[in-house]
Protein backbone atom coordinates (compact mmCIF):
# COMPACT_ATOMS: atom_id res chain seq x y z
CA UNK A 1 10.91 -40.33 -10.54
CA UNK A 2 9.22 -42.03 -7.63
CA UNK A 3 6.19 -39.84 -8.06
CA UNK A 4 6.04 -40.72 -11.73
CA UNK A 5 6.00 -44.44 -10.97
CA UNK A 6 3.41 -44.01 -8.27
CA UNK A 7 1.13 -41.96 -10.61
CA UNK A 8 1.50 -44.53 -13.35
CA UNK A 9 0.65 -47.38 -10.93
CA UNK A 10 -2.47 -45.43 -9.65
CA UNK A 11 -3.58 -44.71 -13.28
CA UNK A 12 -3.24 -48.42 -14.16
CA UNK A 13 -5.22 -49.54 -11.16
CA UNK A 14 -8.01 -46.99 -11.94
CA UNK A 15 -8.30 -47.99 -15.62
CA UNK A 16 -10.81 -50.93 -16.21
CA UNK A 17 -9.16 -54.21 -17.02
CA UNK A 18 -10.18 -55.66 -20.41
CA UNK A 19 -10.35 -59.09 -18.80
CA UNK A 20 -12.78 -57.88 -16.25
CA UNK A 21 -14.87 -56.05 -18.89
CA UNK A 22 -15.39 -59.43 -20.74
CA UNK A 23 -17.86 -60.86 -18.35
CA UNK A 24 -19.93 -63.69 -19.63
CA UNK A 25 -23.39 -62.54 -20.71
CA UNK A 26 -26.17 -64.30 -18.86
CA UNK A 27 -27.81 -67.06 -20.87
CA UNK A 28 -30.90 -65.36 -22.47
CA UNK A 29 -33.98 -67.17 -23.54
CA UNK A 30 -35.12 -66.53 -27.01
CA UNK A 31 -37.77 -63.90 -27.23
CA UNK A 32 -41.33 -65.24 -27.32
CA UNK A 33 -44.55 -63.59 -28.38
CA UNK A 34 -46.72 -62.39 -25.52
CA UNK A 35 -49.73 -60.16 -25.00
CA UNK A 36 -47.91 -57.97 -22.50
CA UNK A 37 -44.76 -57.22 -24.48
CA UNK A 38 -45.20 -57.95 -28.21
CA UNK A 39 -46.65 -55.07 -30.32
CA UNK A 40 -49.87 -56.01 -32.10
CA UNK A 41 -48.27 -55.25 -35.43
CA UNK A 42 -45.69 -58.04 -34.86
CA UNK A 43 -48.57 -60.42 -33.93
CA UNK A 44 -50.52 -59.52 -37.02
CA UNK A 45 -47.52 -59.86 -39.34
CA UNK A 46 -46.91 -63.38 -38.21
CA UNK A 47 -49.63 -65.63 -39.86
CA UNK A 48 -49.65 -68.12 -36.99
CA UNK A 49 -49.99 -65.40 -34.34
CA UNK A 50 -52.57 -63.63 -36.42
CA UNK A 51 -54.65 -66.84 -36.58
CA UNK A 52 -54.48 -67.11 -32.73
CA UNK A 53 -55.66 -63.47 -32.44
CA UNK A 54 -58.48 -64.06 -34.93
CA UNK A 55 -59.62 -67.13 -32.88
CA UNK A 56 -59.69 -65.39 -29.47
CA UNK A 57 -60.29 -61.75 -30.39
CA UNK A 58 -61.86 -61.56 -33.86
CA UNK A 59 -63.25 -58.09 -33.41
CA UNK A 60 -59.70 -56.80 -32.67
CA UNK A 61 -58.16 -58.37 -35.74
CA UNK A 62 -60.98 -57.19 -38.02
CA UNK A 63 -61.10 -53.63 -36.62
CA UNK A 64 -60.60 -50.86 -39.15
CA UNK A 65 -58.59 -48.94 -36.47
CA UNK A 66 -56.07 -51.74 -35.73
CA UNK A 67 -53.24 -50.04 -37.76
CA UNK A 68 -53.42 -47.05 -35.40
CA UNK A 69 -52.36 -49.28 -32.47
CA UNK A 70 -49.85 -51.65 -34.24
CA UNK A 71 -47.01 -50.44 -31.82
CA UNK A 72 -48.97 -51.27 -28.67
CA UNK A 73 -49.18 -54.63 -26.98
CA UNK A 74 -52.63 -56.24 -26.56
CA UNK A 75 -52.44 -55.73 -22.75
CA UNK A 76 -52.24 -51.96 -23.33
CA UNK A 77 -55.35 -52.18 -25.48
CA UNK A 78 -57.29 -53.99 -22.75
CA UNK A 79 -58.74 -50.76 -21.30
CA UNK A 80 -60.12 -49.76 -24.70
CA UNK A 81 -61.75 -53.24 -25.38
CA UNK A 82 -62.31 -54.85 -21.99
CA UNK A 83 -64.88 -57.38 -23.29
CA UNK A 84 -62.70 -58.48 -26.24
CA UNK A 85 -59.39 -58.47 -24.23
CA UNK A 86 -60.36 -59.65 -20.81
CA UNK A 87 -57.61 -61.23 -18.57
CA UNK A 88 -59.03 -64.61 -19.46
CA UNK A 89 -58.79 -63.97 -23.26
CA UNK A 90 -55.32 -62.56 -22.96
CA UNK A 91 -54.28 -65.71 -20.93
CA UNK A 92 -55.69 -68.05 -23.58
CA UNK A 93 -53.81 -66.03 -26.30
CA UNK A 94 -50.58 -66.23 -24.27
CA UNK A 95 -50.94 -70.00 -23.94
CA UNK A 96 -51.17 -70.43 -27.71
CA UNK A 97 -48.49 -67.87 -28.40
CA UNK A 98 -46.10 -69.74 -26.13
CA UNK A 99 -46.37 -72.75 -28.54
CA UNK A 100 -45.09 -70.65 -31.53
CA UNK A 101 -41.34 -70.70 -32.34
CA UNK A 102 -39.23 -67.98 -30.78
CA UNK A 103 -39.02 -64.72 -32.69
């Protein structure tokens, strides 16, 4: 009997407590558009973001091959179009994207 009680107590101690499992989630900021994280397709699908891209990188938005890279962020495309997507251009785009409402 004593072994049964001891085994039960040990099992209860090893099991995760539901109270401990309900830790408060950290306060997350709403997702924002960015040249480093947001896929090009998401930027093109948002009229305001598309306008920003057209302003700073018109050759990118008018490219006939843009659909092939819709899943990639602009930063990943930088090596393919270094003149159109220089660090300065991406920084300017990020400044304007930050002004858009969160996704």
